[in-house]
Amino acid sequence: MRTVHMAVYDTFSDWEVGYATAHINRELWHRDPGNWRVKTVALTADPVTSMGGMRVVPDLVLEDLKPADSAMLILPGLGTEFDPDSPITAFAREAREFLAAGVPVAAICGATFGLAKEGLLDERPHTSNDPGYLGYSGYSGGEHYVTSATAVTDGDLITATGTRPVDFAREIFARLDIFEPHVLEAWYKLYGNNDPAGFYALYEYEQQRAVKTR
């Protein structure tokens, strides 16, 4: 079983990570069913409440999280204004350890601001909500900001704007190699482009797999 860890903190933006976590946990189209799960990580064991009002009891605390035990660390944004005491600061430091260990990190919206403050975007192609937004972090990576993409993968680091959670999820799936390429293409047609062709391609794939497993 491979575990993807997702950070949770009060007012975390649940809608930014929902597509990714739902389809990591949902095995229907996986290349290797039964091999993936998502676990939540927080600063403490106390329950947290998302921006959407969902109460989450963390599976583990940050101090117990080790890159060797994880396939990826996902960092959602948060609904409150970023400040030095933001929990994202601690997770950004953890992201540095993950990247140093060669374990992927995926950050969206406000979480990219935390990575910028940590210096993790100074030398990497990346994106976020807006170049000016990241500029307030004081980072020196503005020349590497990609304005033409809503989600950017650079090696083990994925960054995305908070308005494109489907694009964020697609980059996560591709980096984890959860779906075969044609399945991922169909998934994005359906969820990213509202293209019915994606639905029918996924349905056909389901039927083919069902026949093989009989």
C-alpha atoms as a PDB file:
ATOM      1  CA  MET A   1       0.000   0.000   0.000  1.00  0.00           C
ATOM      2  CA  ARG A   2       1.425   3.383  -1.028  1.00  0.00           C
ATOM      3  CA  THR A   3       0.392   6.354   1.087  1.00  0.00           C
ATOM      4  CA  VAL A   4      -0.101   9.924  -0.083  1.00  0.00           C
ATOM      5  CA  HIS A   5      -0.109  12.350   2.829  1.00  0.00           C
ATOM      6  CA  MET A   6      -2.217  15.511   2.807  1.00  0.00           C
ATOM      7  CA  ALA A   7      -1.744  18.395   5.206  1.00  0.00           C
ATOM      8  CA  VAL A   8      -4.800  19.630   7.091  1.00  0.00           C
ATOM      9  CA  TYR A   9      -5.113  22.783   9.178  1.00  0.00           C
ATOM     10  CA  ASP A  10      -7.963  25.003  10.257  1.00  0.00           C
ATOM     11  CA  THR A  11      -9.553  26.715   7.231  1.00  0.00           C
ATOM     12  CA  PHE A  12      -7.692  24.528   4.728  1.00  0.00           C
ATOM     13  CA  SER A  13      -9.286  24.895   1.300  1.00  0.00           C
ATOM     14  CA  ASP A  14     -11.031  21.542   0.921  1.00  0.00           C
ATOM     15  CA  TRP A  15     -12.205  22.169  -2.653  1.00  0.00           C
ATOM     16  CA  GLU A  16      -8.638  22.553  -3.895  1.00  0.00           C
ATOM     17  CA  VAL A  17      -7.676  18.970  -3.087  1.00  0.00           C
ATOM     18  CA  GLY A  18     -10.967  17.105  -3.426  1.00  0.00           C
ATOM     19  CA  TYR A  19     -10.463  15.848  -6.962  1.00  0.00           C
ATOM     20  CA  ALA A  20      -6.995  14.571  -6.148  1.00  0.00           C
ATOM     21  CA  THR A  21      -7.823  12.808  -2.899  1.00  0.00           C
ATOM     22  CA  ALA A  22     -11.115  11.339  -4.127  1.00  0.00           C
ATOM     23  CA  HIS A  23      -9.555   9.728  -7.164  1.00  0.00           C
ATOM     24  CA  ILE A  24      -6.437   8.552  -5.359  1.00  0.00           C
ATOM     25  CA  ASN A  25      -8.716   6.696  -2.957  1.00  0.00           C
ATOM     26  CA  ARG A  26     -11.124   5.555  -5.684  1.00  0.00           C
ATOM     27  CA  GLU A  27      -9.616   2.440  -7.269  1.00  0.00           C
ATOM     28  CA  LEU A  28     -11.902   2.041 -10.270  1.00  0.00           C
ATOM     29  CA  TRP A  29      -9.494   3.365 -12.897  1.00  0.00           C
ATOM     30  CA  HIS A  30      -6.166   2.791 -11.168  1.00  0.00           C
ATOM     31  CA  ARG A  31      -3.331   1.121 -12.998  1.00  0.00           C
ATOM     32  CA  ASP A  32      -2.734  -0.935  -9.837  1.00  0.00           C
ATOM     33  CA  PRO A  33      -5.970  -1.164  -7.783  1.00  0.00           C
ATOM     34  CA  GLY A  34      -5.642  -1.562  -4.045  1.00  0.00           C
ATOM     35  CA  ASN A  35      -2.242   0.097  -3.920  1.00  0.00           C
ATOM     36  CA  TRP A  36      -3.079   3.697  -2.939  1.00  0.00           C
ATOM     37  CA  ARG A  37      -4.558   5.581  -0.007  1.00  0.00           C
ATOM     38  CA  VAL A  38      -4.580   9.117   1.429  1.00  0.00           C
ATOM     39  CA  LYS A  39      -3.771   9.931   5.048  1.00  0.00           C
ATOM     40  CA  THR A  40      -4.162  13.350   6.664  1.00  0.00           C
ATOM     41  CA  VAL A  41      -1.417  15.075   8.652  1.00  0.00           C
ATOM     42  CA  ALA A  42      -1.738  17.997  11.087  1.00  0.00           C
ATOM     43  CA  LEU A  43       0.462  19.855  13.548  1.00  0.00           C
ATOM     44  CA  THR A  44      -1.367  18.208  16.443  1.00  0.00           C
ATOM     45  CA  ALA A  45      -3.805  15.336  16.898  1.00  0.00           C
ATOM     46  CA  ASP A  46      -6.681  17.763  17.506  1.00  0.00           C
ATOM     47  CA  PRO A  47      -9.484  17.880  14.907  1.00  0.00           C
ATOM     48  CA  VAL A  48      -9.328  20.668  12.347  1.00  0.00           C
ATOM     49  CA  THR A  49     -12.113  22.340  10.397  1.00  0.00           C
ATOM     50  CA  SER A  50     -11.843  23.060   6.696  1.00  0.00           C
ATOM     51  CA  MET A  51     -12.938  26.277   5.011  1.00  0.00           C
ATOM     52  CA  GLY A  52     -16.055  24.389   3.950  1.00  0.00           C
ATOM     53  CA  GLY A  53     -16.861  23.451   7.536  1.00  0.00           C
ATOM     54  CA  MET A  54     -15.806  19.800   7.386  1.00  0.00           C
ATOM     55  CA  ARG A  55     -14.312  18.462  10.603  1.00  0.00           C
ATOM     56  CA  VAL A  56     -11.249  16.281  10.065  1.00  0.00           C
ATOM     57  CA  VAL A  57      -9.499  14.110  12.651  1.00  0.00           C
ATOM     58  CA  PRO A  58      -5.872  13.797  11.479  1.00  0.00           C
ATOM     59  CA  ASP A  59      -4.425  10.356  10.885  1.00  0.00           C
ATOM     60  CA  LEU A  60      -1.031  11.423  12.212  1.00  0.00           C
ATOM     61  CA  VAL A  61       0.911  14.436  13.425  1.00  0.00           C
ATOM     62  CA  LEU A  62       3.601  16.213  11.470  1.00  0.00           C
ATOM     63  CA  GLU A  63       6.438  15.242  13.788  1.00  0.00           C
ATOM     64  CA  ASP A  64       5.753  11.587  12.988  1.00  0.00           C
ATOM     65  CA  LEU A  65       5.740  12.088   9.223  1.00  0.00           C
ATOM     66  CA  LYS A  66       8.802  10.757   7.386  1.00  0.00           C
ATOM     67  CA  PRO A  67       9.472  11.111   3.654  1.00  0.00           C
ATOM     68  CA  ALA A  68      10.465   7.445   3.469  1.00  0.00           C
ATOM     69  CA  ASP A  69       6.926   6.461   4.470  1.00  0.00           C
ATOM     70  CA  SER A  70       5.217   8.616   1.852  1.00  0.00           C
ATOM     71  CA  ALA A  71       4.623   8.663  -1.889  1.00  0.00           C
ATOM     72  CA  MET A  72       3.773  12.383  -1.923  1.00  0.00           C
ATOM     73  CA  LEU A  73       2.933  15.323   0.334  1.00  0.00           C
ATOM     74  CA  ILE A  74      -0.068  17.412  -0.778  1.00  0.00           C
ATOM     75  CA  LEU A  75      -0.449  20.929   0.615  1.00  0.00           C
ATOM     76  CA  PRO A  76      -3.803  22.719   0.200  1.00  0.00           C
ATOM     77  CA  GLY A  77      -4.206  26.454   0.601  1.00  0.00           C
ATOM     78  CA  LEU A  78      -5.969  27.973   3.572  1.00  0.00           C
ATOM     79  CA  GLY A  79      -8.736  30.484   3.946  1.00  0.00           C
ATOM     80  CA  THR A  80      -7.024  32.837   6.377  1.00  0.00           C
ATOM     81  CA  GLU A  81      -4.402  35.419   5.537  1.00  0.00           C
ATOM     82  CA  PHE A  82      -0.886  34.001   5.496  1.00  0.00           C
ATOM     83  CA  ASP A  83       1.295  34.993   8.462  1.00  0.00           C
ATOM     84  CA  PRO A  84       4.577  33.732   9.973  1.00  0.00           C
ATOM     85  CA  ASP A  85       2.653  31.542  12.414  1.00  0.00           C
ATOM     86  CA  SER A  86       0.644  29.859   9.671  1.00  0.00           C
ATOM     87  CA  PRO A  87       0.737  26.064   9.876  1.00  0.00           C
ATOM     88  CA  ILE A  88       1.823  26.103   6.241  1.00  0.00           C
ATOM     89  CA  THR A  89       5.189  27.415   7.464  1.00  0.00           C
ATOM     90  CA  ALA A  90       5.871  24.155   9.296  1.00  0.00           C
ATOM     91  CA  PHE A  91       4.671  22.096   6.341  1.00  0.00           C
ATOM     92  CA  ALA A  92       6.860  24.108   3.970  1.00  0.00           C
ATOM     93  CA  ARG A  93       9.870  23.134   6.083  1.00  0.00           C
ATOM     94  CA  GLU A  94       8.721  19.531   5.841  1.00  0.00           C
ATOM     95  CA  ALA A  95       8.373  19.960   2.074  1.00  0.00           C
ATOM     96  CA  ARG A  96      12.064  20.853   1.946  1.00  0.00           C
ATOM     97  CA  GLU A  97      12.891  17.526   3.603  1.00  0.00           C
ATOM     98  CA  PHE A  98      10.614  15.655   1.197  1.00  0.00           C
ATOM     99  CA  LEU A  99      12.212  17.216  -1.860  1.00  0.00           C
ATOM    100  CA  ALA A 100      15.701  16.573  -0.518  1.00  0.00           C
ATOM    101  CA  ALA A 101      14.729  12.919  -0.119  1.00  0.00           C
ATOM    102  CA  GLY A 102      13.346  12.729  -3.654  1.00  0.00           C
ATOM    103  CA  VAL A 103       9.702  12.455  -2.558  1.00  0.00           C
ATOM    104  CA  PRO A 104       7.213  14.627  -4.516  1.00  0.00           C
ATOM    105  CA  VAL A 105       5.412  17.623  -3.055  1.00  0.00           C
ATOM    106  CA  ALA A 106       2.250  19.177  -4.525  1.00  0.00           C
ATOM    107  CA  ALA A 107       1.155  22.649  -3.392  1.00  0.00           C
ATOM    108  CA  ILE A 108      -1.782  24.772  -4.476  1.00  0.00           C
ATOM    109  CA  CYS A 109      -2.900  28.354  -3.840  1.00  0.00           C
ATOM    110  CA  GLY A 110      -1.755  29.671  -0.444  1.00  0.00           C
ATOM    111  CA  ALA A 111       0.529  26.684   0.075  1.00  0.00           C
ATOM    112  CA  THR A 112       2.684  27.942  -2.805  1.00  0.00           C
ATOM    113  CA  PHE A 113       3.172  31.150  -0.816  1.00  0.00           C
ATOM    114  CA  GLY A 114       4.567  29.082   2.041  1.00  0.00           C
ATOM    115  CA  LEU A 115       6.952  27.307  -0.308  1.00  0.00           C
ATOM    116  CA  ALA A 116       8.056  30.638  -1.720  1.00  0.00           C
ATOM    117  CA  LYS A 117       8.836  31.981   1.767  1.00  0.00           C
ATOM    118  CA  GLU A 118      10.804  28.813   2.457  1.00  0.00           C
ATOM    119  CA  GLY A 119      12.906  29.488  -0.651  1.00  0.00           C
ATOM    120  CA  LEU A 120      11.760  26.385  -2.480  1.00  0.00           C
ATOM    121  CA  LEU A 121      10.586  28.289  -5.563  1.00  0.00           C
ATOM    122  CA  ASP A 122      13.651  30.463  -6.049  1.00  0.00           C
ATOM    123  CA  GLU A 123      15.212  28.212  -8.690  1.00  0.00           C
ATOM    124  CA  ARG A 124      12.285  26.137  -9.967  1.00  0.00           C
ATOM    125  CA  PRO A 125       9.643  26.722 -12.639  1.00  0.00           C
ATOM    126  CA  HIS A 126       6.375  27.202 -10.764  1.00  0.00           C
ATOM    127  CA  THR A 127       2.994  28.875 -10.771  1.00  0.00           C
ATOM    128  CA  SER A 128       0.477  30.164  -8.241  1.00  0.00           C
ATOM    129  CA  ASN A 129      -2.481  32.521  -8.080  1.00  0.00           C
ATOM    130  CA  ASP A 130      -0.577  35.494  -9.508  1.00  0.00           C
ATOM    131  CA  PRO A 131       3.067  36.630  -9.792  1.00  0.00           C
ATOM    132  CA  GLY A 132       2.328  39.679  -7.645  1.00  0.00           C
ATOM    133  CA  TYR A 133       0.804  37.477  -4.966  1.00  0.00           C
ATOM    134  CA  LEU A 134       3.949  35.389  -4.644  1.00  0.00           C
ATOM    135  CA  GLY A 135       6.038  38.554  -4.788  1.00  0.00           C
ATOM    136  CA  TYR A 136       4.719  39.536  -1.363  1.00  0.00           C
ATOM    137  CA  SER A 137       6.542  36.513   0.046  1.00  0.00           C
ATOM    138  CA  GLY A 138       9.860  38.248  -0.592  1.00  0.00           C
ATOM    139  CA  TYR A 139      11.170  35.322  -2.607  1.00  0.00           C
ATOM    140  CA  SER A 140      13.645  35.681  -5.462  1.00  0.00           C
ATOM    141  CA  GLY A 141      12.121  33.255  -7.944  1.00  0.00           C
ATOM    142  CA  GLY A 142       9.931  35.622  -9.928  1.00  0.00           C
ATOM    143  CA  GLU A 143      11.809  34.945 -13.160  1.00  0.00           C
ATOM    144  CA  HIS A 144      10.806  31.281 -12.918  1.00  0.00           C
ATOM    145  CA  TYR A 145       7.076  31.995 -12.578  1.00  0.00           C
ATOM    146  CA  VAL A 146       5.101  30.350 -15.391  1.00  0.00           C
ATOM    147  CA  THR A 147       2.158  32.547 -16.357  1.00  0.00           C
ATOM    148  CA  SER A 148       0.994  30.313 -19.216  1.00  0.00           C
ATOM    149  CA  ALA A 149       0.052  27.308 -17.065  1.00  0.00           C
ATOM    150  CA  THR A 150      -2.439  26.721 -14.276  1.00  0.00           C
ATOM    151  CA  ALA A 151      -0.381  23.845 -12.853  1.00  0.00           C
ATOM    152  CA  VAL A 152       3.336  23.210 -13.246  1.00  0.00           C
ATOM    153  CA  THR A 153       5.383  20.107 -12.539  1.00  0.00           C
ATOM    154  CA  ASP A 154       9.129  20.521 -12.125  1.00  0.00           C
ATOM    155  CA  GLY A 155      10.644  17.187 -11.190  1.00  0.00           C
ATOM    156  CA  ASP A 156       9.294  16.369  -7.751  1.00  0.00           C
ATOM    157  CA  LEU A 157       7.476  19.667  -7.207  1.00  0.00           C
ATOM    158  CA  ILE A 158       3.954  20.493  -8.387  1.00  0.00           C
ATOM    159  CA  THR A 159       2.463  23.976  -7.985  1.00  0.00           C
ATOM    160  CA  ALA A 160      -0.949  25.253  -9.043  1.00  0.00           C
ATOM    161  CA  THR A 161      -3.361  28.149  -8.871  1.00  0.00           C
ATOM    162  CA  GLY A 162      -6.234  27.707  -6.448  1.00  0.00           C
ATOM    163  CA  THR A 163      -8.819  28.136  -9.197  1.00  0.00           C
ATOM    164  CA  ARG A 164      -7.836  24.969 -11.080  1.00  0.00           C
ATOM    165  CA  PRO A 165      -8.112  21.982  -8.737  1.00  0.00           C
ATOM    166  CA  VAL A 166      -8.728  19.603 -11.649  1.00  0.00           C
ATOM    167  CA  ASP A 167      -5.475  20.634 -13.329  1.00  0.00           C
ATOM    168  CA  PHE A 168      -3.726  20.223  -9.979  1.00  0.00           C
ATOM    169  CA  ALA A 169      -5.120  16.712  -9.635  1.00  0.00           C
ATOM    170  CA  ARG A 170      -4.062  15.781 -13.165  1.00  0.00           C
ATOM    171  CA  GLU A 171      -0.459  16.726 -12.402  1.00  0.00           C
ATOM    172  CA  ILE A 172      -0.583  14.695  -9.185  1.00  0.00           C
ATOM    173  CA  PHE A 173      -1.937  11.613 -10.957  1.00  0.00           C
ATOM    174  CA  ALA A 174       0.668  11.908 -13.688  1.00  0.00           C
ATOM    175  CA  ARG A 175       3.534  12.267 -11.225  1.00  0.00           C
ATOM    176  CA  LEU A 176       2.342   9.292  -9.174  1.00  0.00           C
ATOM    177  CA  ASP A 177       1.669   7.263 -12.334  1.00  0.00           C
ATOM    178  CA  ILE A 178      -1.664   6.116 -10.921  1.00  0.00           C
ATOM    179  CA  PHE A 179      -3.499   5.948 -14.263  1.00  0.00           C
ATOM    180  CA  GLU A 180      -2.445   4.693 -17.641  1.00  0.00           C
ATOM    181  CA  PRO A 181      -1.941   7.663 -20.004  1.00  0.00           C
ATOM    182  CA  HIS A 182      -5.130   7.090 -22.005  1.00  0.00           C
ATOM    183  CA  VAL A 183      -7.154   6.781 -18.790  1.00  0.00           C
ATOM    184  CA  LEU A 184      -5.728  10.036 -17.461  1.00  0.00           C
ATOM    185  CA  GLU A 185      -6.518  11.711 -20.784  1.00  0.00           C
ATOM    186  CA  ALA A 186     -10.130  10.508 -20.573  1.00  0.00           C
ATOM    187  CA  TRP A 187     -10.363  11.580 -16.927  1.00  0.00           C
ATOM    188  CA  TYR A 188      -9.284  15.112 -17.799  1.00  0.00           C
ATOM    189  CA  LYS A 189     -11.627  15.287 -20.759  1.00  0.00           C
ATOM    190  CA  LEU A 190     -14.501  14.559 -18.399  1.00  0.00           C
ATOM    191  CA  TYR A 191     -13.530  16.546 -15.306  1.00  0.00           C
ATOM    192  CA  GLY A 192     -11.382  19.248 -16.859  1.00  0.00           C
ATOM    193  CA  ASN A 193     -13.213  19.942 -20.109  1.00  0.00           C
ATOM    194  CA  ASN A 194     -16.739  18.642 -19.410  1.00  0.00           C
ATOM    195  CA  ASP A 195     -16.339  16.530 -22.553  1.00  0.00           C
ATOM    196  CA  PRO A 196     -18.780  13.566 -22.665  1.00  0.00           C
ATOM    197  CA  ALA A 197     -16.187  11.649 -24.679  1.00  0.00           C
ATOM    198  CA  GLY A 198     -14.220  11.314 -21.465  1.00  0.00           C
ATOM    199  CA  PHE A 199     -17.146   9.670 -19.705  1.00  0.00           C
ATOM    200  CA  TYR A 200     -17.657   7.120 -22.456  1.00  0.00           C
ATOM    201  CA  ALA A 201     -13.931   6.353 -22.648  1.00  0.00           C
ATOM    202  CA  LEU A 202     -13.817   5.720 -18.913  1.00  0.00           C
ATOM    203  CA  TYR A 203     -16.969   3.609 -19.061  1.00  0.00           C
ATOM    204  CA  GLU A 204     -15.501   1.493 -21.855  1.00  0.00           C
ATOM    205  CA  TYR A 205     -12.322   1.066 -19.831  1.00  0.00           C
ATOM    206  CA  GLU A 206     -14.364  -0.089 -16.828  1.00  0.00           C
ATOM    207  CA  GLN A 207     -16.173  -2.669 -18.963  1.00  0.00           C
ATOM    208  CA  GLN A 208     -12.940  -4.005 -20.411  1.00  0.00           C
ATOM    209  CA  ARG A 209     -11.434  -4.410 -16.974  1.00  0.00           C
ATOM    210  CA  ALA A 210     -14.560  -6.110 -15.670  1.00  0.00           C
ATOM    211  CA  VAL A 211     -14.345  -8.695 -18.444  1.00  0.00           C
ATOM    212  CA  LYS A 212     -10.671  -9.395 -17.697  1.00  0.00           C
ATOM    213  CA  THR A 213     -11.339  -9.971 -13.995  1.00  0.00           C
ATOM    214  CA  ARG A 214     -14.206 -12.422 -14.471  1.00  0.00           C
END
